[in-house]
Amino acid sequence: QVLLVESGGGSVQAGGSLRLSCAASGTIFSINVMGWYRQAPGKQRELVATMTRDSTTNYADSAKGRFTLSRNNAENTVYLQMSSLKPEDTAVYYCYCRHSRYWSGADYWGQGTQVTVSS
């Protein structure tokens, strides 16, 4: 079982910055993918950015050029630096990881952290 704990959400004005942090704990064998998704009211959960263990990143088009994902494999942490925030970035942001143990894998989610961007 893997537990993901997020921190760093909050309220900011448009154009501002926020940094989200996520730490994984529990019985960890190998975390292949780690990153962030978000869900705005009335919308489906969508990808923000993910990173594989070998540092291959995948950003949503909406995040490219404004958000930067970083990861520390040794500490099982992932960070999302968000800049030039827009009101449409308002959402609950969920930390995500794909955990592997031998030949099986499982997806884990954090409890979510609210990000609110005001115009």
C-alpha atoms as a PDB file:
ATOM      1  CA  GLN A   1       0.000   0.000   0.000  1.00  0.00           C
ATOM      2  CA  VAL A   2       1.281   3.431  -0.990  1.00  0.00           C
ATOM      3  CA  LEU A   3       0.126   6.652   0.628  1.00  0.00           C
ATOM      4  CA  LEU A   4       0.478   9.951  -1.229  1.00  0.00           C
ATOM      5  CA  VAL A   5       0.377  13.156   0.787  1.00  0.00           C
ATOM      6  CA  GLU A   6       0.121  16.493  -1.003  1.00  0.00           C
ATOM      7  CA  SER A   7       0.813  19.999   0.186  1.00  0.00           C
ATOM      8  CA  GLY A   8       1.207  23.468  -1.232  1.00  0.00           C
ATOM      9  CA  GLY A   9      -2.206  24.337  -2.616  1.00  0.00           C
ATOM     10  CA  GLY A  10      -3.881  27.626  -1.923  1.00  0.00           C
ATOM     11  CA  SER A  11      -5.257  30.800  -3.412  1.00  0.00           C
ATOM     12  CA  VAL A  12      -3.327  33.120  -5.682  1.00  0.00           C
ATOM     13  CA  GLN A  13      -4.047  35.920  -8.105  1.00  0.00           C
ATOM     14  CA  ALA A  14      -3.717  35.440 -11.837  1.00  0.00           C
ATOM     15  CA  GLY A  15      -0.093  35.633 -12.882  1.00  0.00           C
ATOM     16  CA  GLY A  16       1.112  34.285  -9.569  1.00  0.00           C
ATOM     17  CA  SER A  17       2.941  31.095  -8.684  1.00  0.00           C
ATOM     18  CA  LEU A  18       2.424  28.083  -6.481  1.00  0.00           C
ATOM     19  CA  ARG A  19       4.484  24.986  -5.738  1.00  0.00           C
ATOM     20  CA  LEU A  20       2.804  21.680  -5.020  1.00  0.00           C
ATOM     21  CA  SER A  21       4.606  18.885  -3.219  1.00  0.00           C
ATOM     22  CA  CYS A  22       3.785  15.219  -2.899  1.00  0.00           C
ATOM     23  CA  ALA A  23       5.493  12.534  -0.861  1.00  0.00           C
ATOM     24  CA  ALA A  24       4.906   8.813  -1.165  1.00  0.00           C
ATOM     25  CA  SER A  25       5.199   6.519   1.806  1.00  0.00           C
ATOM     26  CA  GLY A  26       4.339   2.961   2.766  1.00  0.00           C
ATOM     27  CA  THR A  27       5.642  -0.298   1.362  1.00  0.00           C
ATOM     28  CA  ILE A  28       7.302   0.966  -1.792  1.00  0.00           C
ATOM     29  CA  PHE A  29       9.031  -1.316  -4.283  1.00  0.00           C
ATOM     30  CA  SER A  30       9.242   0.831  -7.394  1.00  0.00           C
ATOM     31  CA  ILE A  31       7.351   3.918  -8.485  1.00  0.00           C
ATOM     32  CA  ASN A  32       7.473   4.009 -12.253  1.00  0.00           C
ATOM     33  CA  VAL A  33       5.413   7.110 -12.927  1.00  0.00           C
ATOM     34  CA  MET A  34       4.708  10.020 -10.626  1.00  0.00           C
ATOM     35  CA  GLY A  35       2.964  13.278 -11.274  1.00  0.00           C
ATOM     36  CA  TRP A  36      -0.172  15.378 -11.075  1.00  0.00           C
ATOM     37  CA  TYR A  37      -3.706  15.415 -12.390  1.00  0.00           C
ATOM     38  CA  ARG A  38      -6.408  17.982 -11.749  1.00  0.00           C
ATOM     39  CA  GLN A  39     -10.166  18.170 -11.680  1.00  0.00           C
ATOM     40  CA  ALA A  40     -12.149  21.364 -12.041  1.00  0.00           C
ATOM     41  CA  PRO A  41     -15.794  21.576 -10.931  1.00  0.00           C
ATOM     42  CA  GLY A  42     -18.055  19.834 -13.399  1.00  0.00           C
ATOM     43  CA  LYS A  43     -15.146  18.474 -15.427  1.00  0.00           C
ATOM     44  CA  GLN A  44     -13.321  15.192 -15.695  1.00  0.00           C
ATOM     45  CA  ARG A  45      -9.971  14.620 -14.084  1.00  0.00           C
ATOM     46  CA  GLU A  46      -7.207  15.504 -16.531  1.00  0.00           C
ATOM     47  CA  LEU A  47      -3.472  15.115 -16.820  1.00  0.00           C
ATOM     48  CA  VAL A  48      -1.264  17.997 -15.759  1.00  0.00           C
ATOM     49  CA  ALA A  49       2.181  16.400 -15.898  1.00  0.00           C
ATOM     50  CA  THR A  50       3.880  13.108 -15.163  1.00  0.00           C
ATOM     51  CA  MET A  51       7.439  11.858 -15.051  1.00  0.00           C
ATOM     52  CA  THR A  52       8.806   8.340 -15.411  1.00  0.00           C
ATOM     53  CA  ARG A  53      11.544   6.980 -13.225  1.00  0.00           C
ATOM     54  CA  ASP A  54      14.090   7.768 -15.951  1.00  0.00           C
ATOM     55  CA  SER A  55      12.886  11.390 -16.062  1.00  0.00           C
ATOM     56  CA  THR A  56      10.784  11.257 -19.206  1.00  0.00           C
ATOM     57  CA  THR A  57       8.104  13.903 -18.786  1.00  0.00           C
ATOM     58  CA  ASN A  58       4.629  14.282 -20.219  1.00  0.00           C
ATOM     59  CA  TYR A  59       2.931  17.654 -19.939  1.00  0.00           C
ATOM     60  CA  ALA A  60      -0.577  18.660 -20.857  1.00  0.00           C
ATOM     61  CA  ASP A  61      -0.607  21.352 -23.500  1.00  0.00           C
ATOM     62  CA  SER A  62      -2.135  23.721 -20.963  1.00  0.00           C
ATOM     63  CA  ALA A  63       0.866  23.200 -18.659  1.00  0.00           C
ATOM     64  CA  LYS A  64       3.679  23.483 -21.183  1.00  0.00           C
ATOM     65  CA  GLY A  65       5.835  26.543 -20.675  1.00  0.00           C
ATOM     66  CA  ARG A  66       4.198  27.452 -17.359  1.00  0.00           C
ATOM     67  CA  PHE A  67       4.501  24.411 -15.122  1.00  0.00           C
ATOM     68  CA  THR A  68       7.635  22.468 -14.244  1.00  0.00           C
ATOM     69  CA  LEU A  69       7.599  18.977 -12.808  1.00  0.00           C
ATOM     70  CA  SER A  70      10.482  17.608 -10.793  1.00  0.00           C
ATOM     71  CA  ARG A  71      10.982  14.345  -8.993  1.00  0.00           C
ATOM     72  CA  ASN A  72      13.316  12.844  -6.428  1.00  0.00           C
ATOM     73  CA  ASN A  73      13.395   9.076  -6.866  1.00  0.00           C
ATOM     74  CA  ALA A  74      15.414   8.457  -3.728  1.00  0.00           C
ATOM     75  CA  GLU A  75      12.894  10.304  -1.556  1.00  0.00           C
ATOM     76  CA  ASN A  76       9.783   9.294  -3.538  1.00  0.00           C
ATOM     77  CA  THR A  77       8.704  12.886  -3.910  1.00  0.00           C
ATOM     78  CA  VAL A  78       7.378  14.941  -6.788  1.00  0.00           C
ATOM     79  CA  TYR A  79       6.967  18.680  -7.135  1.00  0.00           C
ATOM     80  CA  LEU A  80       4.956  20.864  -9.473  1.00  0.00           C
ATOM     81  CA  GLN A  81       6.113  24.451  -9.851  1.00  0.00           C
ATOM     82  CA  MET A  82       3.271  26.439 -11.361  1.00  0.00           C
ATOM     83  CA  SER A  83       3.870  29.926 -12.751  1.00  0.00           C
ATOM     84  CA  SER A  84       1.794  32.422 -14.718  1.00  0.00           C
ATOM     85  CA  LEU A  85      -1.310  30.909 -13.206  1.00  0.00           C
ATOM     86  CA  LYS A  86      -4.656  31.570 -14.842  1.00  0.00           C
ATOM     87  CA  PRO A  87      -8.195  31.381 -13.456  1.00  0.00           C
ATOM     88  CA  GLU A  88      -8.751  28.292 -15.609  1.00  0.00           C
ATOM     89  CA  ASP A  89      -6.051  26.524 -13.590  1.00  0.00           C
ATOM     90  CA  THR A  90      -8.445  26.502 -10.651  1.00  0.00           C
ATOM     91  CA  ALA A  91      -9.027  22.882  -9.674  1.00  0.00           C
ATOM     92  CA  VAL A  92      -8.313  20.198  -7.141  1.00  0.00           C
ATOM     93  CA  TYR A  93      -4.856  18.860  -7.913  1.00  0.00           C
ATOM     94  CA  TYR A  94      -4.213  15.179  -7.262  1.00  0.00           C
ATOM     95  CA  CYS A  95      -0.854  13.541  -6.857  1.00  0.00           C
ATOM     96  CA  TYR A  96      -0.592  10.272  -8.772  1.00  0.00           C
ATOM     97  CA  CYS A  97       1.796   7.381  -8.921  1.00  0.00           C
ATOM     98  CA  ARG A  98       2.057   4.071 -10.708  1.00  0.00           C
ATOM     99  CA  HIS A  99       3.615   1.583  -8.327  1.00  0.00           C
ATOM    100  CA  SER A 100       5.104  -1.730  -9.387  1.00  0.00           C
ATOM    101  CA  ARG A 101       5.801  -4.787  -7.273  1.00  0.00           C
ATOM    102  CA  TYR A 102       7.346  -7.673  -9.178  1.00  0.00           C
ATOM    103  CA  TRP A 103       4.987  -8.307 -12.116  1.00  0.00           C
ATOM    104  CA  SER A 104       2.000  -6.334 -10.834  1.00  0.00           C
ATOM    105  CA  GLY A 105       1.227  -2.666 -10.799  1.00  0.00           C
ATOM    106  CA  ALA A 106      -1.274  -0.343  -9.181  1.00  0.00           C
ATOM    107  CA  ASP A 107      -2.303   3.285  -9.401  1.00  0.00           C
ATOM    108  CA  TYR A 108      -2.453   5.437  -6.291  1.00  0.00           C
ATOM    109  CA  TRP A 109      -3.930   8.882  -5.741  1.00  0.00           C
ATOM    110  CA  GLY A 110      -3.520  11.535  -3.096  1.00  0.00           C
ATOM    111  CA  GLN A 111      -6.436  13.171  -1.347  1.00  0.00           C
ATOM    112  CA  GLY A 112      -6.171  16.289  -3.476  1.00  0.00           C
ATOM    113  CA  THR A 113      -5.183  19.873  -2.796  1.00  0.00           C
ATOM    114  CA  GLN A 114      -7.213  22.888  -3.878  1.00  0.00           C
ATOM    115  CA  VAL A 115      -5.689  25.512  -6.133  1.00  0.00           C
ATOM    116  CA  THR A 116      -7.739  28.659  -6.679  1.00  0.00           C
ATOM    117  CA  VAL A 117      -6.636  31.376  -9.084  1.00  0.00           C
ATOM    118  CA  SER A 118      -8.550  34.631  -9.001  1.00  0.00           C
ATOM    119  CA  SER A 119      -8.653  37.183 -11.787  1.00  0.00           C
END
